[in-house]
Amino acid sequence: MQDAFGSKGIPKFLNLWELMNNYNVWQLAVVIGFLSETESIGELRKNAPAGDTPVPRDRIEQYYRPMVEYTKVQCQIVELSAALHRCDIFSIALRDGLLWSELAHQARALTEAIEGEIKFRRFAYVPTEKANLHDKYRTTWATVLSKFPETDSDISDAIDAYALGLGTSCVFHLMRIAEKGLRRLATKVGVRLTHKGKPIPLQFGDWDKVITAVGNKITAARAKPHGAKRQAQLQFYSDAADHCLYMKDIWRNEVSHTRRSYNDAEALGVINRVRDFMELLVKNL
């Protein structure tokens, strides 16, 4: 258990923000293991030849107090109100000093409080491969997030949905990401939209209109003289158009009209395709 602590006795993984957004069951297992060990040690020490003696202050400050604080964090995350109350009682006892028998009692009472409430909580299992993708998404999507910060919440939601086996929800959020890229692309190529002869803001145009307008711009660009720079631009626009048509089929013809659902493999394919599209935009816009 001591490997969980830094030089000052503070749990190395005591980062509340990260825990709240990426909770792992092993953190709760650490708590249960600590309490079990504490109860056993307390029972053993109280029956030692020297009898029931006070727990040394340095042991309290360097080990038990930090671990109770860590336990409290875990109870906050999974909303164990009775256990939180027991954490406070445990902390007061540690502050005032206690015997080994009392330490065992506090550990046992806190364990019972956790066990009594945890049966009403539900945890989702994420397979290793998905967990790796989930934990690293901010690295794999780093360039996109740097240039398209407005996609942050949808990227997070898409990866969460994929990790939980919600393929269709994942694709839905991916299409929102792609739409933000598409509209940035449309702005770059100078798309202007109209409705019934009147101009409308780009953000109010549907996918079909925006993609058609982008395609028309690319077609017009192909008719112009080709230099090395022009050829590179045309290749970029051509690649971008291919991505757009692919995503149009997914979004307009499938997800937005509830015509189908997506399984894990299909959702992963869309994740990769949308990330490639957004990275293409990052490099060329």
Protein backbone atom coordinates (compact mmCIF):
# COMPACT_ATOMS: atom_id res chain seq x y z
CA MET A 1 0.00 0.00 0.00
CA GLN A 2 2.89 2.40 0.65
CA ASP A 3 3.67 2.57 -3.09
CA ALA A 4 0.54 4.68 -3.39
CA PHE A 5 2.16 7.54 -1.46
CA GLY A 6 4.59 10.30 -2.26
CA SER A 7 7.36 11.60 -0.02
CA LYS A 8 4.92 13.53 2.19
CA GLY A 9 2.44 10.70 2.56
CA ILE A 10 0.00 12.16 0.00
CA PRO A 11 -1.48 9.68 -2.49
CA LYS A 12 0.31 10.09 -5.83
CA PHE A 13 -2.95 9.75 -7.73
CA LEU A 14 -4.93 12.24 -5.62
CA ASN A 15 -6.04 14.39 -8.56
CA LEU A 16 -9.75 15.01 -8.09
CA TRP A 17 -10.38 16.43 -11.56
CA GLU A 18 -8.83 13.44 -13.33
CA LEU A 19 -10.61 10.99 -11.04
CA MET A 20 -13.99 12.57 -11.66
CA ASN A 21 -13.54 12.38 -15.44
CA ASN A 22 -11.82 9.03 -15.74
CA TYR A 23 -12.87 6.90 -12.81
CA ASN A 24 -11.33 3.45 -12.46
CA VAL A 25 -12.65 0.75 -10.17
CA TRP A 26 -9.11 -0.07 -9.02
CA GLN A 27 -9.15 3.19 -7.04
CA LEU A 28 -12.02 1.88 -4.97
CA ALA A 29 -10.21 -1.45 -4.66
CA VAL A 30 -7.24 0.45 -3.19
CA VAL A 31 -9.57 1.86 -0.54
CA ILE A 32 -11.03 -1.54 0.38
CA GLY A 33 -7.54 -3.03 0.55
CA PHE A 34 -6.32 -0.24 2.80
CA LEU A 35 -9.23 -0.61 5.19
CA SER A 36 -8.87 -4.38 5.34
CA GLU A 37 -5.16 -4.10 6.06
CA THR A 38 -5.75 -1.38 8.67
CA GLU A 39 -8.34 -3.46 10.51
CA SER A 40 -6.05 -6.50 10.51
CA ILE A 41 -3.06 -4.53 11.80
CA GLY A 42 -5.18 -2.88 14.49
CA GLU A 43 -6.48 -6.25 15.72
CA LEU A 44 -2.98 -7.72 15.67
CA ARG A 45 -1.39 -4.83 17.57
CA LYS A 46 -4.05 -4.67 20.28
CA ASN A 47 -3.38 -8.33 21.06
CA ALA A 48 0.41 -7.93 21.06
CA PRO A 49 2.39 -8.68 24.26
CA ALA A 50 2.53 -4.98 25.07
CA GLY A 51 -1.25 -4.78 24.95
CA ASP A 52 -3.45 -2.13 23.39
CA THR A 53 -1.27 0.96 22.88
CA PRO A 54 -1.71 4.28 21.04
CA VAL A 55 -1.03 4.38 17.31
CA PRO A 56 2.23 6.37 16.83
CA ARG A 57 1.64 9.93 15.70
CA ASP A 58 4.11 9.69 12.81
CA ARG A 59 2.28 6.61 11.52
CA ILE A 60 -1.00 8.48 11.67
CA GLU A 61 0.33 11.53 9.82
CA GLN A 62 2.37 9.70 7.20
CA TYR A 63 0.01 6.86 6.39
CA TYR A 64 -3.45 6.69 7.93
CA ARG A 65 -4.55 10.31 7.63
CA PRO A 66 -3.57 10.64 3.91
CA MET A 67 -5.24 7.36 3.09
CA VAL A 68 -8.46 8.33 4.83
CA GLU A 69 -8.41 11.57 2.83
CA TYR A 70 -7.97 9.53 -0.35
CA THR A 71 -10.86 7.31 0.72
CA LYS A 72 -12.98 10.39 1.20
CA VAL A 73 -12.25 11.51 -2.37
CA GLN A 74 -13.38 8.12 -3.70
CA CYS A 75 -16.56 8.25 -1.63
CA GLN A 76 -17.32 11.72 -2.98
CA ILE A 77 -16.93 10.54 -6.56
CA VAL A 78 -19.38 7.65 -6.22
CA GLU A 79 -21.65 9.56 -3.82
CA LEU A 80 -21.41 7.38 -0.74
CA SER A 81 -22.91 9.74 1.82
CA ALA A 82 -22.86 7.39 4.82
CA ALA A 83 -19.27 6.44 4.07
CA LEU A 84 -18.34 10.12 3.81
CA HIS A 85 -19.75 10.62 7.30
CA ARG A 86 -17.64 7.71 8.57
CA CYS A 87 -14.57 9.25 6.89
CA ASP A 88 -15.13 12.42 8.90
CA ILE A 89 -15.46 10.44 12.12
CA PHE A 90 -12.30 8.49 11.24
CA SER A 91 -10.42 11.74 10.55
CA ILE A 92 -11.43 13.23 13.89
CA ALA A 93 -10.29 10.10 15.69
CA LEU A 94 -6.94 10.27 13.93
CA ARG A 95 -6.59 13.93 14.81
CA ASP A 96 -7.26 13.28 18.50
CA GLY A 97 -5.17 10.12 18.66
CA LEU A 98 -6.44 6.58 19.11
CA LEU A 99 -5.52 3.10 20.26
CA TRP A 100 -4.83 0.22 17.87
CA SER A 101 -8.17 -1.34 18.81
CA GLU A 102 -9.95 1.92 17.99
CA LEU A 103 -8.12 2.10 14.66
CA ALA A 104 -9.42 -1.38 13.82
CA HIS A 105 -12.94 -0.34 14.81
CA GLN A 106 -12.83 2.79 12.63
CA ALA A 107 -11.58 0.81 9.63
CA ARG A 108 -14.27 -1.85 10.10
CA ALA A 109 -17.05 0.75 10.46
CA LEU A 110 -15.92 2.59 7.33
CA THR A 111 -15.72 -0.67 5.37
CA GLU A 112 -19.26 -1.59 6.39
CA ALA A 113 -20.52 1.87 5.37
CA ILE A 114 -18.91 1.56 1.93
CA GLU A 115 -20.20 -1.97 1.40
CA GLY A 116 -23.68 -0.96 2.50
CA GLU A 117 -23.91 1.77 -0.15
CA ILE A 118 -21.78 0.46 -3.02
CA LYS A 119 -24.33 -2.25 -3.84
CA PHE A 120 -26.58 0.53 -5.14
CA ARG A 121 -23.96 1.91 -7.55
CA ARG A 122 -23.33 0.73 -11.11
CA PHE A 123 -19.99 0.67 -12.92
CA ALA A 124 -19.38 0.14 -16.62
CA TYR A 125 -16.67 -2.22 -17.80
CA VAL A 126 -14.46 -0.87 -20.60
CA PRO A 127 -12.32 -3.46 -22.45
CA THR A 128 -8.57 -2.85 -22.47
CA GLU A 129 -8.35 -1.83 -26.13
CA LYS A 130 -11.12 0.71 -25.71
CA ALA A 131 -9.68 1.94 -22.43
CA ASN A 132 -6.34 2.62 -24.12
CA LEU A 133 -8.03 4.64 -26.85
CA HIS A 134 -10.12 6.48 -24.26
CA ASP A 135 -7.20 7.34 -22.00
CA LYS A 136 -5.05 8.63 -24.88
CA TYR A 137 -7.64 10.54 -26.87
CA ARG A 138 -6.32 13.96 -25.92
CA THR A 139 -2.96 12.95 -27.37
CA THR A 140 -4.32 11.37 -30.55
CA TRP A 141 -6.66 14.33 -31.13
CA ALA A 142 -4.15 16.95 -29.94
CA THR A 143 -3.67 18.72 -33.29
CA VAL A 144 -7.42 18.89 -33.88
CA LEU A 145 -8.08 20.24 -30.39
CA SER A 146 -5.38 22.88 -30.85
CA LYS A 147 -6.94 24.27 -34.04
CA PHE A 148 -10.59 23.44 -33.39
CA PRO A 149 -11.04 23.94 -29.62
CA GLU A 150 -14.80 24.15 -30.17
CA THR A 151 -14.79 20.40 -30.86
CA ASP A 152 -13.52 19.52 -27.37
CA SER A 153 -16.82 18.44 -25.81
CA ASP A 154 -17.95 16.45 -28.85
CA ILE A 155 -14.62 14.63 -29.11
CA SER A 156 -14.83 13.73 -25.43
CA ASP A 157 -18.45 12.58 -25.78
CA ALA A 158 -17.69 10.56 -28.92
CA ILE A 159 -14.83 8.70 -27.24
CA ASP A 160 -16.88 8.14 -24.08
CA ALA A 161 -19.72 6.73 -26.16
CA TYR A 162 -17.38 4.41 -28.05
CA ALA A 163 -15.82 3.16 -24.81
CA LEU A 164 -19.28 2.33 -23.46
CA GLY A 165 -20.38 0.50 -26.61
CA LEU A 166 -22.74 3.25 -27.78
CA GLY A 167 -21.68 3.21 -31.42
CA THR A 168 -24.54 5.27 -32.82
CA SER A 169 -24.11 7.96 -30.17
CA CYS A 170 -20.39 7.98 -30.96
CA VAL A 171 -21.08 8.56 -34.66
CA PHE A 172 -23.58 11.30 -33.84
CA HIS A 173 -20.94 13.30 -31.96
CA LEU A 174 -18.34 12.59 -34.64
CA MET A 175 -20.65 14.12 -37.23
CA ARG A 176 -20.92 17.24 -35.09
CA ILE A 177 -17.12 17.42 -35.08
CA ALA A 178 -17.00 16.94 -38.84
CA GLU A 179 -19.64 19.61 -39.36
CA LYS A 180 -17.48 22.18 -37.60
CA GLY A 181 -14.61 21.23 -39.88
CA LEU A 182 -16.83 21.32 -42.95
CA ARG A 183 -18.06 24.83 -42.21
CA ARG A 184 -14.48 26.00 -41.64
CA LEU A 185 -13.57 24.49 -45.03
CA ALA A 186 -16.57 26.16 -46.67
CA THR A 187 -15.51 29.51 -45.27
CA LYS A 188 -11.99 28.97 -46.59
CA VAL A 189 -13.11 28.29 -50.17
CA GLY A 190 -15.54 31.22 -50.11
CA VAL A 191 -18.88 29.43 -50.09
CA ARG A 192 -21.93 31.68 -50.11
CA LEU A 193 -25.34 30.17 -49.45
CA THR A 194 -28.79 31.36 -50.43
CA HIS A 195 -32.33 30.28 -49.65
CA LYS A 196 -35.14 31.32 -51.99
CA GLY A 197 -32.78 33.78 -53.58
CA LYS A 198 -31.72 35.39 -50.32
CA PRO A 199 -28.29 34.97 -48.66
CA ILE A 200 -28.19 32.96 -45.46
CA PRO A 201 -25.39 32.59 -42.88
CA LEU A 202 -23.16 29.58 -43.49
CA GLN A 203 -23.97 28.09 -40.09
CA PHE A 204 -27.64 27.80 -41.07
CA GLY A 205 -27.04 25.87 -44.27
CA ASP A 206 -27.67 22.14 -44.15
CA TRP A 207 -24.98 19.60 -44.97
CA ASP A 208 -26.22 18.94 -48.46
CA LYS A 209 -26.11 22.59 -49.45
CA VAL A 210 -22.71 23.20 -47.85
CA ILE A 211 -21.10 20.10 -49.35
CA THR A 212 -22.58 20.83 -52.78
CA ALA A 213 -21.29 24.39 -52.61
CA VAL A 214 -17.82 23.21 -51.56
CA GLY A 215 -17.84 20.71 -54.43
CA ASN A 216 -18.75 23.43 -56.89
CA LYS A 217 -15.87 25.57 -55.67
CA ILE A 218 -13.46 22.67 -56.12
CA THR A 219 -14.77 21.98 -59.63
CA ALA A 220 -14.27 25.62 -60.53
CA ALA A 221 -10.74 25.55 -59.14
CA ARG A 222 -9.84 22.59 -61.34
CA ALA A 223 -10.58 24.67 -64.44
CA LYS A 224 -7.87 27.18 -63.58
CA PRO A 225 -4.24 26.87 -64.74
CA HIS A 226 -2.20 24.37 -62.73
CA GLY A 227 1.04 25.27 -61.05
CA ALA A 228 2.77 23.35 -58.28
CA LYS A 229 0.95 25.34 -55.61
CA ARG A 230 -2.38 25.06 -57.40
CA GLN A 231 -1.91 21.31 -57.79
CA ALA A 232 -1.22 20.92 -54.06
CA GLN A 233 -4.34 22.94 -53.26
CA LEU A 234 -6.44 20.88 -55.64
CA GLN A 235 -5.20 17.67 -54.06
CA PHE A 236 -6.15 18.97 -50.63
CA TYR A 237 -9.60 20.06 -51.79
CA SER A 238 -10.12 16.77 -53.59
CA ASP A 239 -9.22 14.80 -50.48
CA ALA A 240 -11.43 17.02 -48.34
CA ALA A 241 -14.33 16.56 -50.76
CA ASP A 242 -13.98 12.77 -50.57
CA HIS A 243 -14.18 12.94 -46.79
CA CYS A 244 -17.21 15.23 -47.00
CA LEU A 245 -19.12 12.90 -49.31
CA TYR A 246 -18.35 9.95 -47.05
CA MET A 247 -19.61 11.80 -44.00
CA LYS A 248 -22.63 13.13 -45.86
CA ASP A 249 -23.73 9.56 -46.51
CA ILE A 250 -23.32 8.71 -42.82
CA TRP A 251 -24.96 11.84 -41.46
CA ARG A 252 -27.65 12.88 -43.92
CA ASN A 253 -28.67 9.42 -45.10
CA GLU A 254 -28.13 7.35 -41.97
CA VAL A 255 -27.75 8.91 -38.52
CA SER A 256 -29.88 12.01 -39.00
CA HIS A 257 -32.74 9.93 -40.44
CA THR A 258 -32.42 7.09 -37.89
CA ARG A 259 -32.03 4.53 -40.66
CA ARG A 260 -29.41 2.44 -38.93
CA SER A 261 -27.29 1.85 -35.85
CA TYR A 262 -23.51 1.50 -35.65
CA ASN A 263 -21.56 -1.27 -33.96
CA ASP A 264 -18.12 -0.93 -32.38
CA ALA A 265 -16.13 -1.69 -35.53
CA GLU A 266 -18.15 0.75 -37.62
CA ALA A 267 -17.92 3.47 -34.99
CA LEU A 268 -14.15 3.01 -34.78
CA GLY A 269 -13.93 3.37 -38.55
CA VAL A 270 -15.83 6.64 -38.37
CA ILE A 271 -13.59 7.85 -35.52
CA ASN A 272 -10.52 7.30 -37.69
CA ARG A 273 -12.10 8.84 -40.79
CA VAL A 274 -13.29 11.98 -39.00
CA ARG A 275 -9.95 12.42 -37.26
CA ASP A 276 -8.16 12.09 -40.61
CA PHE A 277 -10.50 14.70 -42.10
CA MET A 278 -9.97 17.14 -39.26
CA GLU A 279 -6.18 16.63 -39.33
CA LEU A 280 -6.26 17.28 -43.08
CA LEU A 281 -7.96 20.59 -42.38
CA VAL A 282 -5.47 21.43 -39.65
CA LYS A 283 -2.56 21.00 -42.06
CA ASN A 284 -4.07 22.95 -44.94
CA LEU A 285 -6.35 25.66 -43.60
